[in-house]
Amino acid sequence: MRRGLSLAGNVLFVFYCTAVGVYLLLRPWSAASAPGAAGISASGFFRGFVSGLGLVHLAVGVADLRSLSRSLEDLPGGDR
């Protein structure tokens, strides 16, 4: 039971990191954010910073996915 909850939590975390990472990576450069951009949000440095946060989220998601796949391989009956 406890293993299943941990697995579900890890899967949700990977999904969260991937979804937020893609959003933060692409949103600053989309056409929808450009027309009304004013102040700091119009700055290329700020857009790059937000995209960098997206890359960090994606990297954390990939790292957690790797550890999740390794832990699933270690389960009894994991190698079929």
PDB file of N, CA and C in Angstrom:
ATOM      1  N   MET A   1       0.828  -1.207   0.000  1.00  0.00           N
ATOM      2  CA  MET A   1       0.000   0.000   0.000  1.00  0.00           C
ATOM      3  C   MET A   1       0.867   1.265   0.000  1.00  0.00           C
ATOM      4  N   ARG A   2       1.849   1.258   0.895  1.00  0.00           N
ATOM      5  CA  ARG A   2       2.709   2.424   1.009  1.00  0.00           C
ATOM      6  C   ARG A   2       3.545   2.613  -0.258  1.00  0.00           C
ATOM      7  N   ARG A   3       3.969   1.507  -0.839  1.00  0.00           N
ATOM      8  CA  ARG A   3       4.761   1.553  -2.079  1.00  0.00           C
ATOM      9  C   ARG A   3       3.944   2.153  -3.227  1.00  0.00           C
ATOM     10  N   GLY A   4       2.656   1.793  -3.280  1.00  0.00           N
ATOM     11  CA  GLY A   4       1.780   2.319  -4.322  1.00  0.00           C
ATOM     12  C   GLY A   4       1.571   3.818  -4.192  1.00  0.00           C
ATOM     13  N   LEU A   5       1.444   4.311  -2.951  1.00  0.00           N
ATOM     14  CA  LEU A   5       1.288   5.752  -2.741  1.00  0.00           C
ATOM     15  C   LEU A   5       2.562   6.502  -3.117  1.00  0.00           C
ATOM     16  N   SER A   6       3.700   5.913  -2.782  1.00  0.00           N
ATOM     17  CA  SER A   6       4.969   6.531  -3.156  1.00  0.00           C
ATOM     18  C   SER A   6       5.126   6.572  -4.676  1.00  0.00           C
ATOM     19  N   LEU A   7       4.746   5.494  -5.326  1.00  0.00           N
ATOM     20  CA  LEU A   7       4.814   5.430  -6.789  1.00  0.00           C
ATOM     21  C   LEU A   7       3.896   6.478  -7.420  1.00  0.00           C
ATOM     22  N   ALA A   8       2.678   6.586  -6.906  1.00  0.00           N
ATOM     23  CA  ALA A   8       1.734   7.577  -7.440  1.00  0.00           C
ATOM     24  C   ALA A   8       2.253   8.999  -7.227  1.00  0.00           C
ATOM     25  N   GLY A   9       2.841   9.259  -6.075  1.00  0.00           N
ATOM     26  CA  GLY A   9       3.416  10.578  -5.809  1.00  0.00           C
ATOM     27  C   GLY A   9       4.553  10.911  -6.752  1.00  0.00           C
ATOM     28  N   ASN A  10       5.414   9.925  -7.005  1.00  0.00           N
ATOM     29  CA  ASN A  10       6.524  10.148  -7.929  1.00  0.00           C
ATOM     30  C   ASN A  10       6.040  10.377  -9.353  1.00  0.00           C
ATOM     31  N   VAL A  11       5.039   9.631  -9.781  1.00  0.00           N
ATOM     32  CA  VAL A  11       4.488   9.810 -11.127  1.00  0.00           C
ATOM     33  C   VAL A  11       3.871  11.204 -11.263  1.00  0.00           C
ATOM     34  N   LEU A  12       3.138  11.635 -10.249  1.00  0.00           N
ATOM     35  CA  LEU A  12       2.544  12.982 -10.290  1.00  0.00           C
ATOM     36  C   LEU A  12       3.618  14.062 -10.300  1.00  0.00           C
ATOM     37  N   PHE A  13       4.703  13.845  -9.560  1.00  0.00           N
ATOM     38  CA  PHE A  13       5.785  14.826  -9.549  1.00  0.00           C
ATOM     39  C   PHE A  13       6.460  14.933 -10.914  1.00  0.00           C
ATOM     40  N   VAL A  14       6.674  13.794 -11.557  1.00  0.00           N
ATOM     41  CA  VAL A  14       7.261  13.806 -12.908  1.00  0.00           C
ATOM     42  C   VAL A  14       6.327  14.529 -13.874  1.00  0.00           C
ATOM     43  N   PHE A  15       5.021  14.265 -13.777  1.00  0.00           N
ATOM     44  CA  PHE A  15       4.059  14.944 -14.642  1.00  0.00           C
ATOM     45  C   PHE A  15       4.073  16.450 -14.393  1.00  0.00           C
ATOM     46  N   TYR A  16       4.085  16.851 -13.118  1.00  0.00           N
ATOM     47  CA  TYR A  16       4.116  18.271 -12.766  1.00  0.00           C
ATOM     48  C   TYR A  16       5.360  18.947 -13.340  1.00  0.00           C
ATOM     49  N   CYS A  17       6.526  18.347 -13.104  1.00  0.00           N
ATOM     50  CA  CYS A  17       7.771  18.953 -13.583  1.00  0.00           C
ATOM     51  C   CYS A  17       7.790  19.078 -15.097  1.00  0.00           C
ATOM     52  N   THR A  18       7.281  18.065 -15.780  1.00  0.00           N
ATOM     53  CA  THR A  18       7.261  18.106 -17.242  1.00  0.00           C
ATOM     54  C   THR A  18       6.301  19.174 -17.749  1.00  0.00           C
ATOM     55  N   ALA A  19       5.102  19.209 -17.190  1.00  0.00           N
ATOM     56  CA  ALA A  19       4.099  20.174 -17.655  1.00  0.00           C
ATOM     57  C   ALA A  19       4.534  21.610 -17.380  1.00  0.00           C
ATOM     58  N   VAL A  20       4.991  21.874 -16.165  1.00  0.00           N
ATOM     59  CA  VAL A  20       5.410  23.237 -15.820  1.00  0.00           C
ATOM     60  C   VAL A  20       6.679  23.607 -16.592  1.00  0.00           C
ATOM     61  N   GLY A  21       7.579  22.647 -16.768  1.00  0.00           N
ATOM     62  CA  GLY A  21       8.808  22.923 -17.513  1.00  0.00           C
ATOM     63  C   GLY A  21       8.542  23.316 -18.956  1.00  0.00           C
ATOM     64  N   VAL A  22       7.656  22.586 -19.617  1.00  0.00           N
ATOM     65  CA  VAL A  22       7.320  22.922 -21.014  1.00  0.00           C
ATOM     66  C   VAL A  22       6.624  24.281 -21.069  1.00  0.00           C
ATOM     67  N   TYR A  23       5.709  24.526 -20.124  1.00  0.00           N
ATOM     68  CA  TYR A  23       5.003  25.811 -20.105  1.00  0.00           C
ATOM     69  C   TYR A  23       5.981  26.973 -19.908  1.00  0.00           C
ATOM     70  N   LEU A  24       6.868  26.856 -18.907  1.00  0.00           N
ATOM     71  CA  LEU A  24       7.815  27.941 -18.642  1.00  0.00           C
ATOM     72  C   LEU A  24       8.841  28.098 -19.755  1.00  0.00           C
ATOM     73  N   LEU A  25       9.136  27.033 -20.434  1.00  0.00           N
ATOM     74  CA  LEU A  25      10.103  27.104 -21.528  1.00  0.00           C
ATOM     75  C   LEU A  25       9.521  27.821 -22.747  1.00  0.00           C
ATOM     76  N   LEU A  26       8.257  27.559 -23.052  1.00  0.00           N
ATOM     77  CA  LEU A  26       7.668  28.078 -24.292  1.00  0.00           C
ATOM     78  C   LEU A  26       6.844  29.355 -24.121  1.00  0.00           C
ATOM     79  N   ARG A  27       6.218  29.558 -22.993  1.00  0.00           N
ATOM     80  CA  ARG A  27       5.294  30.678 -22.818  1.00  0.00           C
ATOM     81  C   ARG A  27       5.935  32.059 -23.017  1.00  0.00           C
ATOM     82  N   PRO A  28       7.124  32.315 -22.493  1.00  0.00           N
ATOM     83  CA  PRO A  28       7.689  33.664 -22.693  1.00  0.00           C
ATOM     84  C   PRO A  28       7.937  34.020 -24.154  1.00  0.00           C
ATOM     85  N   TRP A  29       8.089  33.038 -25.014  1.00  0.00           N
ATOM     86  CA  TRP A  29       8.414  33.289 -26.404  1.00  0.00           C
ATOM     87  C   TRP A  29       7.217  33.144 -27.332  1.00  0.00           C
ATOM     88  N   SER A  30       6.045  32.822 -26.776  1.00  0.00           N
ATOM     89  CA  SER A  30       4.868  32.651 -27.623  1.00  0.00           C
ATOM     90  C   SER A  30       4.331  34.005 -28.081  1.00  0.00           C
ATOM     91  N   ALA A  31       3.579  33.990 -29.147  1.00  0.00           N
ATOM     92  CA  ALA A  31       3.028  35.227 -29.701  1.00  0.00           C
ATOM     93  C   ALA A  31       1.981  35.834 -28.784  1.00  0.00           C
ATOM     94  N   ALA A  32       1.337  35.029 -27.966  1.00  0.00           N
ATOM     95  CA  ALA A  32       0.292  35.543 -27.074  1.00  0.00           C
ATOM     96  C   ALA A  32       0.864  36.453 -25.998  1.00  0.00           C
ATOM     97  N   SER A  33       2.123  36.261 -25.609  1.00  0.00           N
ATOM     98  CA  SER A  33       2.691  37.094 -24.550  1.00  0.00           C
ATOM     99  C   SER A  33       3.390  38.334 -25.100  1.00  0.00           C
ATOM    100  N   ALA A  34       3.620  38.422 -26.398  1.00  0.00           N
ATOM    101  CA  ALA A  34       4.385  39.530 -26.968  1.00  0.00           C
ATOM    102  C   ALA A  34       3.605  40.838 -27.146  1.00  0.00           C
ATOM    103  N   PRO A  35       2.353  40.858 -27.639  1.00  0.00           N
ATOM    104  CA  PRO A  35       1.735  42.143 -27.949  1.00  0.00           C
ATOM    105  C   PRO A  35       1.551  43.077 -26.752  1.00  0.00           C
ATOM    106  N   GLY A  36       1.119  42.560 -25.626  1.00  0.00           N
ATOM    107  CA  GLY A  36       0.867  43.421 -24.475  1.00  0.00           C
ATOM    108  C   GLY A  36       2.025  43.484 -23.506  1.00  0.00           C
ATOM    109  N   ALA A  37       3.172  42.974 -23.892  1.00  0.00           N
ATOM    110  CA  ALA A  37       4.312  42.924 -22.981  1.00  0.00           C
ATOM    111  C   ALA A  37       4.827  44.332 -22.719  1.00  0.00           C
ATOM    112  N   ALA A  38       4.976  44.625 -21.444  1.00  0.00           N
ATOM    113  CA  ALA A  38       5.516  45.918 -21.056  1.00  0.00           C
ATOM    114  C   ALA A  38       6.372  45.717 -19.814  1.00  0.00           C
ATOM    115  N   GLY A  39       7.341  46.580 -19.654  1.00  0.00           N
ATOM    116  CA  GLY A  39       8.180  46.507 -18.468  1.00  0.00           C
ATOM    117  C   GLY A  39       9.128  45.327 -18.504  1.00  0.00           C
ATOM    118  N   ILE A  40       9.231  44.678 -17.368  1.00  0.00           N
ATOM    119  CA  ILE A  40      10.208  43.595 -17.235  1.00  0.00           C
ATOM    120  C   ILE A  40       9.845  42.380 -18.083  1.00  0.00           C
ATOM    121  N   SER A  41       8.563  42.136 -18.305  1.00  0.00           N
ATOM    122  CA  SER A  41       8.180  40.952 -19.083  1.00  0.00           C
ATOM    123  C   SER A  41       8.534  41.086 -20.563  1.00  0.00           C
ATOM    124  N   ALA A  42       8.847  42.286 -21.009  1.00  0.00           N
ATOM    125  CA  ALA A  42       9.260  42.486 -22.396  1.00  0.00           C
ATOM    126  C   ALA A  42      10.764  42.293 -22.568  1.00  0.00           C
ATOM    127  N   SER A  43      11.473  42.190 -21.460  1.00  0.00           N
ATOM    128  CA  SER A  43      12.925  42.062 -21.496  1.00  0.00           C
ATOM    129  C   SER A  43      13.343  40.664 -21.941  1.00  0.00           C
ATOM    130  N   GLY A  44      14.303  40.607 -22.812  1.00  0.00           N
ATOM    131  CA  GLY A  44      14.844  39.329 -23.252  1.00  0.00           C
ATOM    132  C   GLY A  44      15.526  38.578 -22.118  1.00  0.00           C
ATOM    133  N   PHE A  45      16.141  39.330 -21.196  1.00  0.00           N
ATOM    134  CA  PHE A  45      16.787  38.691 -20.050  1.00  0.00           C
ATOM    135  C   PHE A  45      15.758  37.994 -19.173  1.00  0.00           C
ATOM    136  N   PHE A  46      14.629  38.658 -18.937  1.00  0.00           N
ATOM    137  CA  PHE A  46      13.576  38.056 -18.119  1.00  0.00           C
ATOM    138  C   PHE A  46      12.993  36.825 -18.815  1.00  0.00           C
ATOM    139  N   ARG A  47      12.771  36.933 -20.106  1.00  0.00           N
ATOM    140  CA  ARG A  47      12.245  35.781 -20.853  1.00  0.00           C
ATOM    141  C   ARG A  47      13.212  34.611 -20.799  1.00  0.00           C
ATOM    142  N   GLY A  48      14.494  34.899 -20.915  1.00  0.00           N
ATOM    143  CA  GLY A  48      15.505  33.854 -20.813  1.00  0.00           C
ATOM    144  C   GLY A  48      15.552  33.231 -19.430  1.00  0.00           C
ATOM    145  N   PHE A  49      15.373  34.061 -18.402  1.00  0.00           N
ATOM    146  CA  PHE A  49      15.352  33.560 -17.025  1.00  0.00           C
ATOM    147  C   PHE A  49      14.184  32.606 -16.810  1.00  0.00           C
ATOM    148  N   VAL A  50      13.008  32.985 -17.282  1.00  0.00           N
ATOM    149  CA  VAL A  50      11.831  32.132 -17.131  1.00  0.00           C
ATOM    150  C   VAL A  50      12.015  30.836 -17.928  1.00  0.00           C
ATOM    151  N   SER A  51      12.568  30.941 -19.115  1.00  0.00           N
ATOM    152  CA  SER A  51      12.834  29.733 -19.901  1.00  0.00           C
ATOM    153  C   SER A  51      13.863  28.842 -19.209  1.00  0.00           C
ATOM    154  N   GLY A  52      14.840  29.454 -18.553  1.00  0.00           N
ATOM    155  CA  GLY A  52      15.820  28.689 -17.787  1.00  0.00           C
ATOM    156  C   GLY A  52      15.180  27.932 -16.638  1.00  0.00           C
ATOM    157  N   LEU A  53      14.213  28.557 -15.981  1.00  0.00           N
ATOM    158  CA  LEU A  53      13.464  27.855 -14.930  1.00  0.00           C
ATOM    159  C   LEU A  53      12.715  26.662 -15.516  1.00  0.00           C
ATOM    160  N   GLY A  54      12.212  26.823 -16.721  1.00  0.00           N
ATOM    161  CA  GLY A  54      11.543  25.710 -17.390  1.00  0.00           C
ATOM    162  C   GLY A  54      12.499  24.567 -17.665  1.00  0.00           C
ATOM    163  N   LEU A  55      13.721  24.902 -18.085  1.00  0.00           N
ATOM    164  CA  LEU A  55      14.724  23.863 -18.318  1.00  0.00           C
ATOM    165  C   LEU A  55      15.101  23.146 -17.025  1.00  0.00           C
ATOM    166  N   VAL A  56      15.161  23.892 -15.921  1.00  0.00           N
ATOM    167  CA  VAL A  56      15.458  23.272 -14.627  1.00  0.00           C
ATOM    168  C   VAL A  56      14.346  22.305 -14.251  1.00  0.00           C
ATOM    169  N   HIS A  57      13.097  22.710 -14.445  1.00  0.00           N
ATOM    170  CA  HIS A  57      11.968  21.820 -14.154  1.00  0.00           C
ATOM    171  C   HIS A  57      12.038  20.555 -15.009  1.00  0.00           C
ATOM    172  N   LEU A  58      12.355  20.711 -16.278  1.00  0.00           N
ATOM    173  CA  LEU A  58      12.466  19.542 -17.157  1.00  0.00           C
ATOM    174  C   LEU A  58      13.609  18.626 -16.724  1.00  0.00           C
ATOM    175  N   ALA A  59      14.731  19.205 -16.324  1.00  0.00           N
ATOM    176  CA  ALA A  59      15.858  18.386 -15.883  1.00  0.00           C
ATOM    177  C   ALA A  59      15.520  17.617 -14.609  1.00  0.00           C
ATOM    178  N   VAL A  60      14.832  18.256 -13.678  1.00  0.00           N
ATOM    179  CA  VAL A  60      14.428  17.577 -12.451  1.00  0.00           C
ATOM    180  C   VAL A  60      13.426  16.467 -12.767  1.00  0.00           C
ATOM    181  N   GLY A  61      12.506  16.731 -13.686  1.00  0.00           N
ATOM    182  CA  GLY A  61      11.543  15.705 -14.080  1.00  0.00           C
ATOM    183  C   GLY A  61      12.204  14.504 -14.718  1.00  0.00           C
ATOM    184  N   VAL A  62      13.196  14.739 -15.573  1.00  0.00           N
ATOM    185  CA  VAL A  62      13.912  13.639 -16.221  1.00  0.00           C
ATOM    186  C   VAL A  62      14.710  12.849 -15.186  1.00  0.00           C
ATOM    187  N   ALA A  63      15.361  13.545 -14.254  1.00  0.00           N
ATOM    188  CA  ALA A  63      16.132  12.854 -13.220  1.00  0.00           C
ATOM    189  C   ALA A  63      15.220  12.004 -12.339  1.00  0.00           C
ATOM    190  N   ASP A  64      14.065  12.532 -11.974  1.00  0.00           N
ATOM    191  CA  ASP A  64      13.143  11.766 -11.147  1.00  0.00           C
ATOM    192  C   ASP A  64      12.544  10.597 -11.931  1.00  0.00           C
ATOM    193  N   LEU A  65      12.319  10.789 -13.220  1.00  0.00           N
ATOM    194  CA  LEU A  65      11.828   9.696 -14.052  1.00  0.00           C
ATOM    195  C   LEU A  65      12.853   8.566 -14.131  1.00  0.00           C
ATOM    196  N   ARG A  66      14.121   8.921 -14.225  1.00  0.00           N
ATOM    197  CA  ARG A  66      15.177   7.896 -14.242  1.00  0.00           C
ATOM    198  C   ARG A  66      15.202   7.112 -12.933  1.00  0.00           C
ATOM    199  N   SER A  67      15.131   7.824 -11.808  1.00  0.00           N
ATOM    200  CA  SER A  67      15.156   7.110 -10.526  1.00  0.00           C
ATOM    201  C   SER A  67      13.892   6.279 -10.342  1.00  0.00           C
ATOM    202  N   LEU A  68      12.777   6.755 -10.858  1.00  0.00           N
ATOM    203  CA  LEU A  68      11.528   5.997 -10.783  1.00  0.00           C
ATOM    204  C   LEU A  68      11.621   4.728 -11.616  1.00  0.00           C
ATOM    205  N   SER A  69      12.205   4.821 -12.795  1.00  0.00           N
ATOM    206  CA  SER A  69      12.322   3.629 -13.636  1.00  0.00           C
ATOM    207  C   SER A  69      13.293   2.626 -13.016  1.00  0.00           C
ATOM    208  N   ARG A  70      14.364   3.113 -12.367  1.00  0.00           N
ATOM    209  CA  ARG A  70      15.287   2.203 -11.683  1.00  0.00           C
ATOM    210  C   ARG A  70      14.608   1.504 -10.514  1.00  0.00           C
ATOM    211  N   SER A  71      13.791   2.234  -9.773  1.00  0.00           N
ATOM    212  CA  SER A  71      13.116   1.617  -8.626  1.00  0.00           C
ATOM    213  C   SER A  71      12.060   0.615  -9.092  1.00  0.00           C
ATOM    214  N   LEU A  72      11.462   0.859 -10.245  1.00  0.00           N
ATOM    215  CA  LEU A  72      10.497  -0.108 -10.761  1.00  0.00           C
ATOM    216  C   LEU A  72      11.184  -1.366 -11.267  1.00  0.00           C
ATOM    217  N   GLU A  73      12.404  -1.248 -11.766  1.00  0.00           N
ATOM    218  CA  GLU A  73      13.157  -2.428 -12.199  1.00  0.00           C
ATOM    219  C   GLU A  73      13.551  -3.299 -11.012  1.00  0.00           C
ATOM    220  N   ASP A  74      13.734  -2.680  -9.833  1.00  0.00           N
ATOM    221  CA  ASP A  74      14.150  -3.421  -8.641  1.00  0.00           C
ATOM    222  C   ASP A  74      12.999  -4.164  -7.969  1.00  0.00           C
ATOM    223  N   LEU A  75      11.771  -3.900  -8.390  1.00  0.00           N
ATOM    224  CA  LEU A  75      10.625  -4.606  -7.816  1.00  0.00           C
ATOM    225  C   LEU A  75      10.670  -6.086  -8.179  1.00  0.00           C
ATOM    226  N   PRO A  76      10.173  -6.941  -7.286  1.00  0.00           N
ATOM    227  CA  PRO A  76      10.094  -8.363  -7.656  1.00  0.00           C
ATOM    228  C   PRO A  76       9.164  -8.544  -8.849  1.00  0.00           C
ATOM    229  N   GLY A  77       9.632  -9.255  -9.831  1.00  0.00           N
ATOM    230  CA  GLY A  77       8.829  -9.451 -11.043  1.00  0.00           C
ATOM    231  C   GLY A  77       8.944  -8.289 -12.010  1.00  0.00           C
ATOM    232  N   GLY A  78       9.884  -7.363 -11.751  1.00  0.00           N
ATOM    233  CA  GLY A  78      10.032  -6.201 -12.614  1.00  0.00           C
ATOM    234  C   GLY A  78      10.694  -6.511 -13.944  1.00  0.00           C
ATOM    235  N   ASP A  79      11.553  -7.542 -13.958  1.00  0.00           N
ATOM    236  CA  ASP A  79      12.194  -7.909 -15.218  1.00  0.00           C
ATOM    237  C   ASP A  79      11.492  -9.148 -15.779  1.00  0.00           C
ATOM    238  N   ARG A  80      10.757  -8.921 -16.819  1.00  0.00           N
ATOM    239  CA  ARG A  80       9.910  -9.990 -17.388  1.00  0.00           C
ATOM    240  C   ARG A  80      10.594 -10.694 -18.502  1.00  0.00           C
TER     241      ARG A  80
END
